[in-house]
């Protein structure tokens, strides 16, 4: 589980660039006070998508935003279906 610390995009990029400058991962982590796991994850993200790495809070990657939208829509549709099921059950009950 994370420590709850938030780092800026610039901080993460600079930390990864220190590795490129020849410093060891352990040394960079000690100097900056970050975990090796975090630094390795940042390096992987930056290598995978340099322009879109570390989008920041509220700035999701397009595929993540679409996933969230679809999840909300799915939940809304489930609720509507449940309401319709209950209405059908009420109106199709035994007739006197």
PDB file of N, CA and C in Angstrom:
ATOM      1  N   UNK A   1       0.843  -1.170   0.000  1.00  0.00           N
ATOM      2  CA  UNK A   1       0.000   0.000   0.000  1.00  0.00           C
ATOM      3  C   UNK A   1       0.888   1.232   0.000  1.00  0.00           C
ATOM      4  N   UNK A   2       0.463   2.291  -0.672  1.00  0.00           N
ATOM      5  CA  UNK A   2       1.257   3.503  -0.808  1.00  0.00           C
ATOM      6  C   UNK A   2       1.343   4.289   0.485  1.00  0.00           C
ATOM      7  N   UNK A   3       2.315   5.185   0.512  1.00  0.00           N
ATOM      8  CA  UNK A   3       2.516   6.015   1.694  1.00  0.00           C
ATOM      9  C   UNK A   3       1.589   7.205   1.709  1.00  0.00           C
ATOM     10  N   UNK A   4       0.933   7.472   0.610  1.00  0.00           N
ATOM     11  CA  UNK A   4       0.033   8.600   0.539  1.00  0.00           C
ATOM     12  C   UNK A   4       0.714   9.867   0.053  1.00  0.00           C
ATOM     13  N   UNK A   5       2.013   9.814  -0.178  1.00  0.00           N
ATOM     14  CA  UNK A   5       2.723  10.985  -0.681  1.00  0.00           C
ATOM     15  C   UNK A   5       2.388  11.187  -2.152  1.00  0.00           C
ATOM     16  N   UNK A   6       2.243  12.434  -2.526  1.00  0.00           N
ATOM     17  CA  UNK A   6       1.960  12.783  -3.916  1.00  0.00           C
ATOM     18  C   UNK A   6       3.177  13.491  -4.494  1.00  0.00           C
ATOM     19  N   UNK A   7       3.585  13.066  -5.659  1.00  0.00           N
ATOM     20  CA  UNK A   7       4.733  13.664  -6.326  1.00  0.00           C
ATOM     21  C   UNK A   7       4.280  14.259  -7.650  1.00  0.00           C
ATOM     22  N   UNK A   8       4.870  15.370  -8.011  1.00  0.00           N
ATOM     23  CA  UNK A   8       4.502  16.020  -9.263  1.00  0.00           C
ATOM     24  C   UNK A   8       5.070  15.247 -10.445  1.00  0.00           C
ATOM     25  N   UNK A   9       4.508  15.521 -11.596  1.00  0.00           N
ATOM     26  CA  UNK A   9       4.981  14.901 -12.833  1.00  0.00           C
ATOM     27  C   UNK A   9       6.456  15.238 -13.047  1.00  0.00           C
ATOM     28  N   UNK A  10       6.801  16.492 -12.800  1.00  0.00           N
ATOM     29  CA  UNK A  10       8.189  16.939 -12.996  1.00  0.00           C
ATOM     30  C   UNK A  10       9.153  16.200 -12.075  1.00  0.00           C
ATOM     31  N   UNK A  11       8.747  16.004 -10.813  1.00  0.00           N
ATOM     32  CA  UNK A  11       9.588  15.284  -9.863  1.00  0.00           C
ATOM     33  C   UNK A  11       9.849  13.866 -10.351  1.00  0.00           C
ATOM     34  N   UNK A  12       8.802  13.194 -10.826  1.00  0.00           N
ATOM     35  CA  UNK A  12       8.933  11.818 -11.295  1.00  0.00           C
ATOM     36  C   UNK A  12       9.853  11.735 -12.508  1.00  0.00           C
ATOM     37  N   UNK A  13       9.695  12.675 -13.433  1.00  0.00           N
ATOM     38  CA  UNK A  13      10.542  12.680 -14.631  1.00  0.00           C
ATOM     39  C   UNK A  13      11.994  12.916 -14.253  1.00  0.00           C
ATOM     40  N   UNK A  14      12.235  13.872 -13.358  1.00  0.00           N
ATOM     41  CA  UNK A  14      13.607  14.156 -12.937  1.00  0.00           C
ATOM     42  C   UNK A  14      14.228  12.966 -12.205  1.00  0.00           C
ATOM     43  N   UNK A  15      13.431  12.278 -11.401  1.00  0.00           N
ATOM     44  CA  UNK A  15      13.939  11.102 -10.696  1.00  0.00           C
ATOM     45  C   UNK A  15      14.376  10.027 -11.687  1.00  0.00           C
ATOM     46  N   UNK A  16      13.570   9.799 -12.717  1.00  0.00           N
ATOM     47  CA  UNK A  16      13.912   8.803 -13.734  1.00  0.00           C
ATOM     48  C   UNK A  16      15.135   9.261 -14.529  1.00  0.00           C
ATOM     49  N   UNK A  17      15.245  10.551 -14.799  1.00  0.00           N
ATOM     50  CA  UNK A  17      16.396  11.065 -15.544  1.00  0.00           C
ATOM     51  C   UNK A  17      17.700  10.895 -14.768  1.00  0.00           C
ATOM     52  N   UNK A  18      17.622  10.914 -13.438  1.00  0.00           N
ATOM     53  CA  UNK A  18      18.826  10.674 -12.641  1.00  0.00           C
ATOM     54  C   UNK A  18      19.380   9.278 -12.896  1.00  0.00           C
ATOM     55  N   UNK A  19      18.486   8.322 -13.163  1.00  0.00           N
ATOM     56  CA  UNK A  19      18.950   6.966 -13.495  1.00  0.00           C
ATOM     57  C   UNK A  19      19.713   6.983 -14.810  1.00  0.00           C
ATOM     58  N   UNK A  20      19.216   7.768 -15.763  1.00  0.00           N
ATOM     59  CA  UNK A  20      19.878   7.864 -17.066  1.00  0.00           C
ATOM     60  C   UNK A  20      21.233   8.549 -16.950  1.00  0.00           C
ATOM     61  N   UNK A  21      21.387   9.370 -15.920  1.00  0.00           N
ATOM     62  CA  UNK A  21      22.642  10.094 -15.724  1.00  0.00           C
ATOM     63  C   UNK A  21      23.714   9.217 -15.094  1.00  0.00           C
ATOM     64  N   UNK A  22      23.390   7.961 -14.819  1.00  0.00           N
ATOM     65  CA  UNK A  22      24.395   7.033 -14.331  1.00  0.00           C
ATOM     66  C   UNK A  22      24.313   6.720 -12.851  1.00  0.00           C
ATOM     67  N   UNK A  23      23.382   7.338 -12.126  1.00  0.00           N
ATOM     68  CA  UNK A  23      23.244   7.019 -10.708  1.00  0.00           C
ATOM     69  C   UNK A  23      22.523   5.684 -10.561  1.00  0.00           C
ATOM     70  N   UNK A  24      22.827   4.972  -9.508  1.00  0.00           N
ATOM     71  CA  UNK A  24      22.157   3.696  -9.269  1.00  0.00           C
ATOM     72  C   UNK A  24      20.752   3.955  -8.736  1.00  0.00           C
ATOM     73  N   UNK A  25      19.890   2.975  -8.930  1.00  0.00           N
ATOM     74  CA  UNK A  25      18.513   3.102  -8.464  1.00  0.00           C
ATOM     75  C   UNK A  25      18.483   3.290  -6.947  1.00  0.00           C
ATOM     76  N   UNK A  26      19.298   2.532  -6.239  1.00  0.00           N
ATOM     77  CA  UNK A  26      19.335   2.641  -4.778  1.00  0.00           C
ATOM     78  C   UNK A  26      19.783   4.029  -4.334  1.00  0.00           C
ATOM     79  N   UNK A  27      20.772   4.591  -5.022  1.00  0.00           N
ATOM     80  CA  UNK A  27      21.276   5.913  -4.667  1.00  0.00           C
ATOM     81  C   UNK A  27      20.226   6.994  -4.917  1.00  0.00           C
ATOM     82  N   UNK A  28      19.559   6.927  -6.058  1.00  0.00           N
ATOM     83  CA  UNK A  28      18.508   7.898  -6.379  1.00  0.00           C
ATOM     84  C   UNK A  28      17.401   7.835  -5.334  1.00  0.00           C
ATOM     85  N   UNK A  29      17.013   6.621  -4.967  1.00  0.00           N
ATOM     86  CA  UNK A  29      15.949   6.448  -3.978  1.00  0.00           C
ATOM     87  C   UNK A  29      16.349   7.007  -2.615  1.00  0.00           C
ATOM     88  N   UNK A  30      17.581   6.758  -2.211  1.00  0.00           N
ATOM     89  CA  UNK A  30      18.060   7.298  -0.940  1.00  0.00           C
ATOM     90  C   UNK A  30      18.102   8.821  -0.978  1.00  0.00           C
ATOM     91  N   UNK A  31      18.630   9.381  -2.053  1.00  0.00           N
ATOM     92  CA  UNK A  31      18.756  10.834  -2.174  1.00  0.00           C
ATOM     93  C   UNK A  31      17.400  11.543  -2.171  1.00  0.00           C
ATOM     94  N   UNK A  32      16.420  10.925  -2.815  1.00  0.00           N
ATOM     95  CA  UNK A  32      15.107  11.567  -2.949  1.00  0.00           C
ATOM     96  C   UNK A  32      14.101  11.122  -1.897  1.00  0.00           C
ATOM     97  N   UNK A  33      14.435  10.068  -1.162  1.00  0.00           N
ATOM     98  CA  UNK A  33      13.526   9.582  -0.132  1.00  0.00           C
ATOM     99  C   UNK A  33      12.295   8.883  -0.694  1.00  0.00           C
ATOM    100  N   UNK A  34      12.494   8.136  -1.764  1.00  0.00           N
ATOM    101  CA  UNK A  34      11.392   7.402  -2.378  1.00  0.00           C
ATOM    102  C   UNK A  34      11.727   5.915  -2.387  1.00  0.00           C
ATOM    103  N   UNK A  35      10.704   5.098  -2.621  1.00  0.00           N
ATOM    104  CA  UNK A  35      10.944   3.655  -2.636  1.00  0.00           C
ATOM    105  C   UNK A  35      11.443   3.219  -4.017  1.00  0.00           C
ATOM    106  N   UNK A  36      12.164   2.132  -4.023  1.00  0.00           N
ATOM    107  CA  UNK A  36      12.659   1.589  -5.290  1.00  0.00           C
ATOM    108  C   UNK A  36      11.520   1.101  -6.162  1.00  0.00           C
ATOM    109  N   UNK A  37      10.462   0.629  -5.541  1.00  0.00           N
ATOM    110  CA  UNK A  37       9.288   0.160  -6.288  1.00  0.00           C
ATOM    111  C   UNK A  37       8.667   1.338  -7.042  1.00  0.00           C
ATOM    112  N   UNK A  38       8.533   2.470  -6.368  1.00  0.00           N
ATOM    113  CA  UNK A  38       7.957   3.655  -7.013  1.00  0.00           C
ATOM    114  C   UNK A  38       8.815   4.100  -8.185  1.00  0.00           C
ATOM    115  N   UNK A  39      10.103   4.182  -7.971  1.00  0.00           N
ATOM    116  CA  UNK A  39      10.998   4.633  -9.036  1.00  0.00           C
ATOM    117  C   UNK A  39      10.958   3.683 -10.237  1.00  0.00           C
ATOM    118  N   UNK A  40      10.924   2.398  -9.972  1.00  0.00           N
ATOM    119  CA  UNK A  40      10.858   1.419 -11.065  1.00  0.00           C
ATOM    120  C   UNK A  40       9.544   1.571 -11.833  1.00  0.00           C
ATOM    121  N   UNK A  41       8.444   1.787 -11.107  1.00  0.00           N
ATOM    122  CA  UNK A  41       7.142   1.967 -11.753  1.00  0.00           C
ATOM    123  C   UNK A  41       7.144   3.245 -12.598  1.00  0.00           C
ATOM    124  N   UNK A  42       7.705   4.333 -12.071  1.00  0.00           N
ATOM    125  CA  UNK A  42       7.775   5.590 -12.821  1.00  0.00           C
ATOM    126  C   UNK A  42       8.600   5.411 -14.088  1.00  0.00           C
ATOM    127  N   UNK A  43       9.717   4.698 -13.973  1.00  0.00           N
ATOM    128  CA  UNK A  43      10.582   4.465 -15.130  1.00  0.00           C
ATOM    129  C   UNK A  43       9.827   3.682 -16.201  1.00  0.00           C
ATOM    130  N   UNK A  44       9.102   2.663 -15.779  1.00  0.00           N
ATOM    131  CA  UNK A  44       8.334   1.846 -16.724  1.00  0.00           C
ATOM    132  C   UNK A  44       7.252   2.677 -17.405  1.00  0.00           C
ATOM    133  N   UNK A  45       6.533   3.492 -16.633  1.00  0.00           N
ATOM    134  CA  UNK A  45       5.477   4.330 -17.198  1.00  0.00           C
ATOM    135  C   UNK A  45       6.048   5.342 -18.191  1.00  0.00           C
ATOM    136  N   UNK A  46       7.153   5.941 -17.857  1.00  0.00           N
ATOM    137  CA  UNK A  46       7.766   6.946 -18.720  1.00  0.00           C
ATOM    138  C   UNK A  46       8.279   6.316 -20.009  1.00  0.00           C
ATOM    139  N   UNK A  47       8.820   5.115 -19.932  1.00  0.00           N
ATOM    140  CA  UNK A  47       9.294   4.439 -21.135  1.00  0.00           C
ATOM    141  C   UNK A  47       8.133   4.012 -22.021  1.00  0.00           C
ATOM    142  N   UNK A  48       7.023   3.596 -21.411  1.00  0.00           N
ATOM    143  CA  UNK A  48       5.877   3.104 -22.180  1.00  0.00           C
ATOM    144  C   UNK A  48       5.180   4.231 -22.943  1.00  0.00           C
ATOM    145  N   UNK A  49       4.934   5.356 -22.273  1.00  0.00           N
ATOM    146  CA  UNK A  49       4.217   6.469 -22.899  1.00  0.00           C
ATOM    147  C   UNK A  49       4.789   7.794 -22.394  1.00  0.00           C
ATOM    148  N   UNK A  50       5.889   8.240 -22.955  1.00  0.00           N
ATOM    149  CA  UNK A  50       6.561   9.442 -22.437  1.00  0.00           C
ATOM    150  C   UNK A  50       5.676  10.685 -22.404  1.00  0.00           C
ATOM    151  N   UNK A  51       4.847  10.870 -23.400  1.00  0.00           N
ATOM    152  CA  UNK A  51       4.027  12.082 -23.462  1.00  0.00           C
ATOM    153  C   UNK A  51       2.831  12.033 -22.516  1.00  0.00           C
ATOM    154  N   UNK A  52       2.338  10.820 -22.256  1.00  0.00           N
ATOM    155  CA  UNK A  52       1.129  10.706 -21.451  1.00  0.00           C
ATOM    156  C   UNK A  52       1.375  10.111 -20.075  1.00  0.00           C
ATOM    157  N   UNK A  53       2.624   9.915 -19.691  1.00  0.00           N
ATOM    158  CA  UNK A  53       2.925   9.357 -18.376  1.00  0.00           C
ATOM    159  C   UNK A  53       2.586  10.381 -17.300  1.00  0.00           C
ATOM    160  N   UNK A  54       2.117   9.902 -16.187  1.00  0.00           N
ATOM    161  CA  UNK A  54       1.802  10.723 -15.016  1.00  0.00           C
ATOM    162  C   UNK A  54       0.794  11.830 -15.345  1.00  0.00           C
ATOM    163  N   UNK A  55      -0.420  11.468 -15.729  1.00  0.00           N
ATOM    164  CA  UNK A  55      -1.391  12.491 -16.120  1.00  0.00           C
ATOM    165  C   UNK A  55      -1.835  13.392 -14.975  1.00  0.00           C
ATOM    166  N   UNK A  56      -1.663  12.973 -13.745  1.00  0.00           N
ATOM    167  CA  UNK A  56      -2.047  13.813 -12.617  1.00  0.00           C
ATOM    168  C   UNK A  56      -3.482  13.566 -12.183  1.00  0.00           C
ATOM    169  N   UNK A  57      -3.815  14.124 -11.043  1.00  0.00           N
ATOM    170  CA  UNK A  57      -5.148  13.937 -10.477  1.00  0.00           C
ATOM    171  C   UNK A  57      -6.182  14.623 -11.361  1.00  0.00           C
ATOM    172  N   UNK A  58      -7.193  13.877 -11.707  1.00  0.00           N
ATOM    173  CA  UNK A  58      -8.259  14.432 -12.526  1.00  0.00           C
ATOM    174  C   UNK A  58      -7.973  14.421 -14.014  1.00  0.00           C
ATOM    175  N   UNK A  59      -6.801  14.008 -14.416  1.00  0.00           N
ATOM    176  CA  UNK A  59      -6.425  13.965 -15.826  1.00  0.00           C
ATOM    177  C   UNK A  59      -6.145  12.527 -16.220  1.00  0.00           C
ATOM    178  N   UNK A  60      -7.200  11.785 -16.450  1.00  0.00           N
ATOM    179  CA  UNK A  60      -7.045  10.366 -16.765  1.00  0.00           C
ATOM    180  C   UNK A  60      -6.600  10.165 -18.205  1.00  0.00           C
ATOM    181  N   UNK A  61      -5.994   9.031 -18.417  1.00  0.00           N
ATOM    182  CA  UNK A  61      -5.721   8.616 -19.781  1.00  0.00           C
ATOM    183  C   UNK A  61      -7.060   8.363 -20.462  1.00  0.00           C
ATOM    184  N   UNK A  62      -7.154   8.569 -21.765  1.00  0.00           N
ATOM    185  CA  UNK A  62      -8.443   8.408 -22.451  1.00  0.00           C
ATOM    186  C   UNK A  62      -9.108   7.055 -22.216  1.00  0.00           C
ATOM    187  N   UNK A  63      -8.334   5.972 -22.230  1.00  0.00           N
ATOM    188  CA  UNK A  63      -8.939   4.653 -22.029  1.00  0.00           C
ATOM    189  C   UNK A  63      -9.465   4.493 -20.608  1.00  0.00           C
ATOM    190  N   UNK A  64      -8.811   5.116 -19.619  1.00  0.00           N
ATOM    191  CA  UNK A  64      -9.298   5.048 -18.243  1.00  0.00           C
ATOM    192  C   UNK A  64     -10.583   5.850 -18.084  1.00  0.00           C
ATOM    193  N   UNK A  65     -10.656   7.009 -18.731  1.00  0.00           N
ATOM    194  CA  UNK A  65     -11.867   7.829 -18.675  1.00  0.00           C
ATOM    195  C   UNK A  65     -13.035   7.093 -19.316  1.00  0.00           C
ATOM    196  N   UNK A  66     -12.780   6.435 -20.429  1.00  0.00           N
ATOM    197  CA  UNK A  66     -13.841   5.678 -21.114  1.00  0.00           C
ATOM    198  C   UNK A  66     -14.304   4.507 -20.251  1.00  0.00           C
ATOM    199  N   UNK A  67     -13.378   3.820 -19.604  1.00  0.00           N
ATOM    200  CA  UNK A  67     -13.736   2.716 -18.717  1.00  0.00           C
ATOM    201  C   UNK A  67     -14.618   3.215 -17.579  1.00  0.00           C
ATOM    202  N   UNK A  68     -14.254   4.315 -16.968  1.00  0.00           N
ATOM    203  CA  UNK A  68     -15.041   4.874 -15.875  1.00  0.00           C
ATOM    204  C   UNK A  68     -16.450   5.262 -16.358  1.00  0.00           C
ATOM    205  N   UNK A  69     -16.536   5.878 -17.540  1.00  0.00           N
ATOM    206  CA  UNK A  69     -17.839   6.261 -18.096  1.00  0.00           C
ATOM    207  C   UNK A  69     -18.717   5.032 -18.316  1.00  0.00           C
ATOM    208  N   UNK A  70     -18.122   3.980 -18.870  1.00  0.00           N
ATOM    209  CA  UNK A  70     -18.874   2.753 -19.133  1.00  0.00           C
ATOM    210  C   UNK A  70     -19.320   2.069 -17.837  1.00  0.00           C
ATOM    211  N   UNK A  71     -18.481   2.119 -16.807  1.00  0.00           N
ATOM    212  CA  UNK A  71     -18.861   1.535 -15.525  1.00  0.00           C
ATOM    213  C   UNK A  71     -20.046   2.277 -14.912  1.00  0.00           C
ATOM    214  N   UNK A  72     -20.034   3.614 -15.000  1.00  0.00           N
ATOM    215  CA  UNK A  72     -21.159   4.396 -14.478  1.00  0.00           C
ATOM    216  C   UNK A  72     -22.440   4.096 -15.262  1.00  0.00           C
ATOM    217  N   UNK A  73     -22.318   4.017 -16.582  1.00  0.00           N
ATOM    218  CA  UNK A  73     -23.476   3.721 -17.416  1.00  0.00           C
ATOM    219  C   UNK A  73     -24.023   2.326 -17.106  1.00  0.00           C
ATOM    220  N   UNK A  74     -23.139   1.363 -16.904  1.00  0.00           N
ATOM    221  CA  UNK A  74     -23.537   0.004 -16.567  1.00  0.00           C
ATOM    222  C   UNK A  74     -24.308  -0.025 -15.245  1.00  0.00           C
ATOM    223  N   UNK A  75     -23.817   0.702 -14.257  1.00  0.00           N
ATOM    224  CA  UNK A  75     -24.497   0.761 -12.955  1.00  0.00           C
ATOM    225  C   UNK A  75     -25.878   1.400 -13.093  1.00  0.00           C
ATOM    226  N   UNK A  76     -25.986   2.472 -13.870  1.00  0.00           N
ATOM    227  CA  UNK A  76     -27.269   3.137 -14.082  1.00  0.00           C
ATOM    228  C   UNK A  76     -28.256   2.190 -14.760  1.00  0.00           C
ATOM    229  N   UNK A  77     -27.791   1.465 -15.771  1.00  0.00           N
ATOM    230  CA  UNK A  77     -28.665   0.524 -16.475  1.00  0.00           C
ATOM    231  C   UNK A  77     -29.125  -0.616 -15.573  1.00  0.00           C
ATOM    232  N   UNK A  78     -28.266  -1.090 -14.697  1.00  0.00           N
ATOM    233  CA  UNK A  78     -28.654  -2.135 -13.742  1.00  0.00           C
ATOM    234  C   UNK A  78     -29.749  -1.633 -12.808  1.00  0.00           C
ATOM    235  N   UNK A  79     -29.594  -0.397 -12.333  1.00  0.00           N
ATOM    236  CA  UNK A  79     -30.606   0.169 -11.443  1.00  0.00           C
ATOM    237  C   UNK A  79     -31.943   0.300 -12.168  1.00  0.00           C
ATOM    238  N   UNK A  80     -31.910   0.768 -13.409  1.00  0.00           N
ATOM    239  CA  UNK A  80     -33.140   0.893 -14.189  1.00  0.00           C
ATOM    240  C   UNK A  80     -33.803  -0.470 -14.386  1.00  0.00           C
ATOM    241  N   UNK A  81     -33.017  -1.481 -14.671  1.00  0.00           N
ATOM    242  CA  UNK A  81     -33.540  -2.835 -14.865  1.00  0.00           C
ATOM    243  C   UNK A  81     -34.202  -3.339 -13.582  1.00  0.00           C
ATOM    244  N   UNK A  82     -33.557  -3.089 -12.438  1.00  0.00           N
ATOM    245  CA  UNK A  82     -34.118  -3.526 -11.156  1.00  0.00           C
ATOM    246  C   UNK A  82     -35.446  -2.821 -10.868  1.00  0.00           C
ATOM    247  N   UNK A  83     -35.508  -1.538 -11.175  1.00  0.00           N
ATOM    248  CA  UNK A  83     -36.747  -0.785 -10.968  1.00  0.00           C
ATOM    249  C   UNK A  83     -37.857  -1.348 -11.846  1.00  0.00           C
ATOM    250  N   UNK A  84     -37.539  -1.630 -13.101  1.00  0.00           N
ATOM    251  CA  UNK A  84     -38.544  -2.195 -14.014  1.00  0.00           C
ATOM    252  C   UNK A  84     -39.010  -3.573 -13.552  1.00  0.00           C
ATOM    253  N   UNK A  85     -38.112  -4.390 -13.048  1.00  0.00           N
ATOM    254  CA  UNK A  85     -38.487  -5.715 -12.536  1.00  0.00           C
ATOM    255  C   UNK A  85     -39.474  -5.582 -11.385  1.00  0.00           C
ATOM    256  N   UNK A  86     -39.201  -4.629 -10.477  1.00  0.00           N
ATOM    257  CA  UNK A  86     -40.088  -4.426  -9.332  1.00  0.00           C
ATOM    258  C   UNK A  86     -41.447  -3.913  -9.780  1.00  0.00           C
ATOM    259  N   UNK A  87     -41.455  -3.018 -10.765  1.00  0.00           N
ATOM    260  CA  UNK A  87     -42.723  -2.484 -11.270  1.00  0.00           C
ATOM    261  C   UNK A  87     -43.544  -3.589 -11.919  1.00  0.00           C
ATOM    262  N   UNK A  88     -42.909  -4.435 -12.683  1.00  0.00           N
ATOM    263  CA  UNK A  88     -43.612  -5.548 -13.330  1.00  0.00           C
ATOM    264  C   UNK A  88     -44.194  -6.477 -12.268  1.00  0.00           C
ATOM    265  N   UNK A  89     -43.412  -6.756 -11.235  1.00  0.00           N
ATOM    266  CA  UNK A  89     -43.873  -7.635 -10.175  1.00  0.00           C
ATOM    267  C   UNK A  89     -45.088  -7.021  -9.462  1.00  0.00           C
ATOM    268  N   UNK A  90     -45.079  -5.701  -9.248  1.00  0.00           N
ATOM    269  CA  UNK A  90     -46.194  -5.038  -8.565  1.00  0.00           C
ATOM    270  C   UNK A  90     -47.463  -5.090  -9.413  1.00  0.00           C
ATOM    271  N   UNK A  91     -47.345  -4.797 -10.690  1.00  0.00           N
ATOM    272  CA  UNK A  91     -48.515  -4.705 -11.547  1.00  0.00           C
ATOM    273  C   UNK A  91     -49.006  -6.060 -12.063  1.00  0.00           C
ATOM    274  N   UNK A  92     -48.197  -7.062 -11.987  1.00  0.00           N
ATOM    275  CA  UNK A  92     -48.630  -8.375 -12.472  1.00  0.00           C
ATOM    276  C   UNK A  92     -48.956  -9.318 -11.310  1.00  0.00           C
ATOM    277  N   UNK A  93     -49.136  -8.743 -10.135  1.00  0.00           N
ATOM    278  CA  UNK A  93     -49.460  -9.533  -8.965  1.00  0.00           C
ATOM    279  C   UNK A  93     -50.833 -10.165  -9.065  1.00  0.00           C
ATOM    280  N   UNK A  94     -51.244 -10.925  -8.070  1.00  0.00           N
ATOM    281  CA  UNK A  94     -52.557 -11.600  -8.111  1.00  0.00           C
ATOM    282  C   UNK A  94     -53.685 -10.582  -8.172  1.00  0.00           C
ATOM    283  N   UNK A  95     -54.653 -10.879  -9.014  1.00  0.00           N
ATOM    284  CA  UNK A  95     -55.803  -9.997  -9.175  1.00  0.00           C
ATOM    285  C   UNK A  95     -56.971 -10.581  -8.391  1.00  0.00           C
ATOM    286  N   UNK A  96     -57.663  -9.711  -7.704  1.00  0.00           N
ATOM    287  CA  UNK A  96     -58.800 -10.166  -6.902  1.00  0.00           C
ATOM    288  C   UNK A  96     -60.056 -10.273  -7.698  1.00  0.00           C
TER     289      UNK A  96
END
